[in-house]
Protein backbone atom coordinates (compact mmCIF):
# COMPACT_ATOMS: atom_id res chain seq x y z
CA UNK A 1 0.00 0.00 0.00
CA UNK A 2 2.91 2.31 0.77
CA UNK A 3 4.22 1.76 -2.78
CA UNK A 4 0.84 2.77 -4.19
CA UNK A 5 0.97 6.02 -2.20
CA UNK A 6 4.50 6.68 -3.51
CA UNK A 7 3.27 6.09 -7.08
CA UNK A 8 0.47 8.60 -6.60
CA UNK A 9 2.89 11.15 -5.13
CA UNK A 10 5.25 10.69 -8.08
CA UNK A 11 2.41 10.99 -10.59
CA UNK A 12 1.10 14.11 -8.84
CA UNK A 13 4.51 15.71 -8.98
CA UNK A 14 5.41 14.73 -12.55
CA UNK A 15 2.03 15.06 -14.24
CA UNK A 16 0.30 17.83 -12.30
CA UNK A 17 3.29 19.58 -10.76
CA UNK A 18 1.86 19.68 -7.27
CA UNK A 19 1.95 17.59 -4.09
CA UNK A 20 -0.77 15.05 -3.30
CA UNK A 21 -2.04 17.22 -0.46
CA UNK A 22 -2.85 20.01 -2.94
CA UNK A 23 -4.95 17.75 -5.19
CA UNK A 24 -8.71 17.84 -5.11
CA UNK A 25 -10.77 14.68 -4.70
CA UNK A 26 -11.24 14.08 -8.44
CA UNK A 27 -7.52 14.45 -9.16
CA UNK A 28 -6.65 12.03 -6.36
CA UNK A 29 -9.16 9.48 -7.68
CA UNK A 30 -7.76 9.79 -11.22
CA UNK A 31 -4.15 9.41 -10.07
CA UNK A 32 -5.09 6.43 -7.91
CA UNK A 33 -6.73 4.77 -10.92
CA UNK A 34 -3.69 5.49 -13.10
CA UNK A 35 -1.30 4.19 -10.41
CA UNK A 36 -3.29 1.00 -9.94
CA UNK A 37 -3.88 0.52 -13.67
CA UNK A 38 -7.65 0.23 -13.21
CA UNK A 39 -10.41 1.63 -15.33
CA UNK A 40 -11.67 4.84 -13.77
CA UNK A 41 -14.76 5.44 -15.89
CA UNK A 42 -18.08 5.42 -14.04
CA UNK A 43 -21.57 5.86 -15.46
CA UNK A 44 -23.25 8.90 -13.92
CA UNK A 45 -26.70 7.28 -14.10
CA UNK A 46 -25.48 4.21 -12.22
CA UNK A 47 -23.77 6.30 -9.55
CA UNK A 48 -26.85 8.51 -9.14
CA UNK A 49 -29.13 5.46 -8.83
CA UNK A 50 -26.84 3.93 -6.19
CA UNK A 51 -27.06 7.13 -4.14
CA UNK A 52 -30.80 7.74 -4.64
CA UNK A 53 -33.16 7.39 -1.72
CA UNK A 54 -36.64 5.88 -2.00
CA UNK A 55 -38.19 9.38 -1.85
CA UNK A 56 -35.98 10.62 -4.68
CA UNK A 57 -36.86 7.67 -6.90
CA UNK A 58 -40.55 8.19 -6.06
CA UNK A 59 -40.30 11.90 -6.94
CA UNK A 60 -38.72 11.00 -10.28
CA UNK A 61 -41.50 8.54 -11.01
CA UNK A 62 -44.27 11.01 -10.06
CA UNK A 63 -42.65 13.70 -12.26
CA UNK A 64 -42.29 11.19 -15.09
CA UNK A 65 -45.97 10.23 -14.92
CA UNK A 66 -47.25 13.78 -14.27
CA UNK A 67 -45.31 15.11 -17.25
CA UNK A 68 -46.60 12.61 -19.78
CA UNK A 69 -49.23 12.90 -22.49
CA UNK A 70 -50.94 9.82 -21.08
CA UNK A 71 -51.43 11.62 -17.76
CA UNK A 72 -52.70 14.75 -19.49
CA UNK A 73 -55.17 12.71 -21.56
CA UNK A 74 -56.40 10.66 -18.58
CA UNK A 75 -56.63 13.75 -16.40
CA UNK A 76 -58.63 15.59 -19.06
CA UNK A 77 -60.98 12.60 -19.38
CA UNK A 78 -61.50 12.49 -15.60
CA UNK A 79 -62.22 16.23 -15.45
CA UNK A 80 -64.67 16.09 -18.34
CA UNK A 81 -66.28 12.97 -16.85
CA UNK A 82 -66.62 14.68 -13.47
CA UNK A 83 -68.30 17.72 -15.07
CA UNK A 84 -70.64 15.66 -17.28
CA UNK A 85 -71.52 13.37 -14.38
CA UNK A 86 -72.29 16.28 -12.04
CA UNK A 87 -74.12 18.35 -14.64
CA UNK A 88 -76.19 16.04 -16.78
CA UNK A 89 -76.20 12.44 -15.53
CA UNK A 90 -76.64 12.92 -11.79
CA UNK A 91 -78.54 16.19 -12.32
CA UNK A 92 -81.45 14.33 -13.94
CA UNK A 93 -81.67 12.04 -10.91
CA UNK A 94 -81.22 14.83 -8.38
CA UNK A 95 -78.04 13.19 -7.01
CA UNK A 96 -75.48 15.86 -7.92
CA UNK A 97 -72.76 15.87 -5.24
CA UNK A 98 -70.61 18.67 -6.73
CA UNK A 99 -72.79 21.08 -8.73
CA UNK A 100 -71.45 23.79 -10.96
CA UNK A 101 -69.03 25.66 -10.26
CA UNK A 102 -67.55 22.31 -9.03
CA UNK A 103 -66.11 23.59 -5.76
CA UNK A 104 -65.09 20.10 -4.56
CA UNK A 105 -63.33 19.46 -7.89
CA UNK A 106 -61.48 22.77 -7.51
CA UNK A 107 -60.43 21.78 -3.98
CA UNK A 108 -59.08 18.44 -5.23
CA UNK A 109 -57.24 20.13 -8.13
CA UNK A 110 -55.69 22.67 -5.76
CA UNK A 111 -54.61 19.89 -3.41
CA UNK A 112 -53.13 17.91 -6.31
CA UNK A 113 -51.20 20.97 -7.50
CA UNK A 114 -49.99 21.73 -3.95
CA UNK A 115 -48.63 18.19 -3.58
CA UNK A 116 -47.39 17.66 -7.12
CA UNK A 117 -45.42 20.93 -7.45
CA UNK A 118 -42.88 20.25 -4.66
CA UNK A 119 -42.52 16.64 -5.82
CA UNK A 120 -41.68 17.84 -9.33
CA UNK A 121 -39.24 20.37 -7.83
CA UNK A 122 -37.56 17.54 -5.88
CA UNK A 123 -37.20 15.62 -9.12
CA UNK A 124 -35.73 18.68 -10.85
CA UNK A 125 -33.26 19.13 -7.99
CA UNK A 126 -32.25 15.50 -8.31
CA UNK A 127 -31.78 15.94 -12.06
CA UNK A 128 -29.59 18.98 -11.39
CA UNK A 129 -27.53 16.88 -8.96
CA UNK A 130 -27.23 14.18 -11.65
CA UNK A 131 -26.03 16.83 -14.10
CA UNK A 132 -23.39 18.03 -11.62
CA UNK A 133 -22.30 14.41 -11.06
CA UNK A 134 -22.09 13.85 -14.82
CA UNK A 135 -19.93 16.96 -15.17
CA UNK A 136 -17.63 15.78 -12.36
CA UNK A 137 -17.29 12.31 -13.88
CA UNK A 138 -16.67 13.84 -17.32
CA UNK A 139 -13.94 15.99 -15.76
CA UNK A 140 -12.33 12.89 -14.23
CA UNK A 141 -12.47 11.05 -17.56
CA UNK A 142 -11.01 14.03 -19.44
CA UNK A 143 -8.29 14.54 -16.83
CA UNK A 144 -7.33 10.90 -16.97
CA UNK A 145 -7.20 10.97 -20.77
CA UNK A 146 -5.01 14.09 -20.73
CA UNK A 147 -2.68 12.63 -18.11
CA UNK A 148 -2.39 9.33 -19.97
CA UNK A 149 -1.60 11.18 -23.19
CA UNK A 150 1.00 13.25 -21.33
CA UNK A 151 2.55 10.05 -19.93
CA UNK A 152 2.66 8.53 -23.40
CA UNK A 153 4.27 11.68 -24.84
CA UNK A 154 6.92 11.64 -22.14
CA UNK A 155 7.58 7.95 -22.68
CA UNK A 156 7.86 8.45 -26.44
CA UNK A 157 10.15 11.43 -25.89
CA UNK A 158 12.38 9.27 -23.68
CA UNK A 159 12.41 6.52 -26.31
CA UNK A 160 13.33 9.05 -29.01
CA UNK A 161 16.14 10.47 -26.85
CA UNK A 162 17.52 6.97 -26.21
CA UNK A 163 17.39 6.14 -29.91
CA UNK A 164 19.03 9.42 -30.86
CA UNK A 165 21.79 8.78 -28.33
CA UNK A 166 22.35 5.31 -29.85
CA UNK A 167 22.42 6.75 -33.35
CA UNK A 168 24.83 9.45 -32.21
CA UNK A 169 27.07 6.85 -30.55
CA UNK A 170 27.02 4.70 -33.70
CA UNK A 171 27.77 7.74 -35.83
CA UNK A 172 30.67 8.75 -33.62
CA UNK A 173 31.95 5.17 -33.58
CA UNK A 174 31.80 4.96 -37.38
CA UNK A 175 33.43 8.35 -37.68
CA UNK A 176 36.25 7.37 -35.35
CA UNK A 177 37.08 4.23 -37.34
């Protein structure tokens, strides 16, 4: 484990030019993945789902249903049915329980709106958190790619220097003989 820490410190110094203590959490995670040779890519949706509470998943589902054309169509049918039932059908029998202007219906609609609005806002907040998580994971992926490219460039530069030194030595050897 101590060797792993030393690898991370060396990577931090050579690739980022700063000590491990000065790195933020994402940079430390990226360097740890590079040092261990593991894949550091994570799917933001999977991470968000792992962290989601029951209430958050429920809010997402309510927002998903409440924002669909199926809900709008069914809701419109229920409202029209309520009005027809309380105007014509039950009116002929004298059994109207919510006559025009449908005060009970208005109370139920107000209650639905009062409950549904904060649930939809919770879902929007969760989506914003998912977006921030996606951005952080994208940053980690981009940082890792840049650092790996930098490592490859340095390795190739070292290989080129070694080859040039060999060529120079061969040239000098040939020239001397």
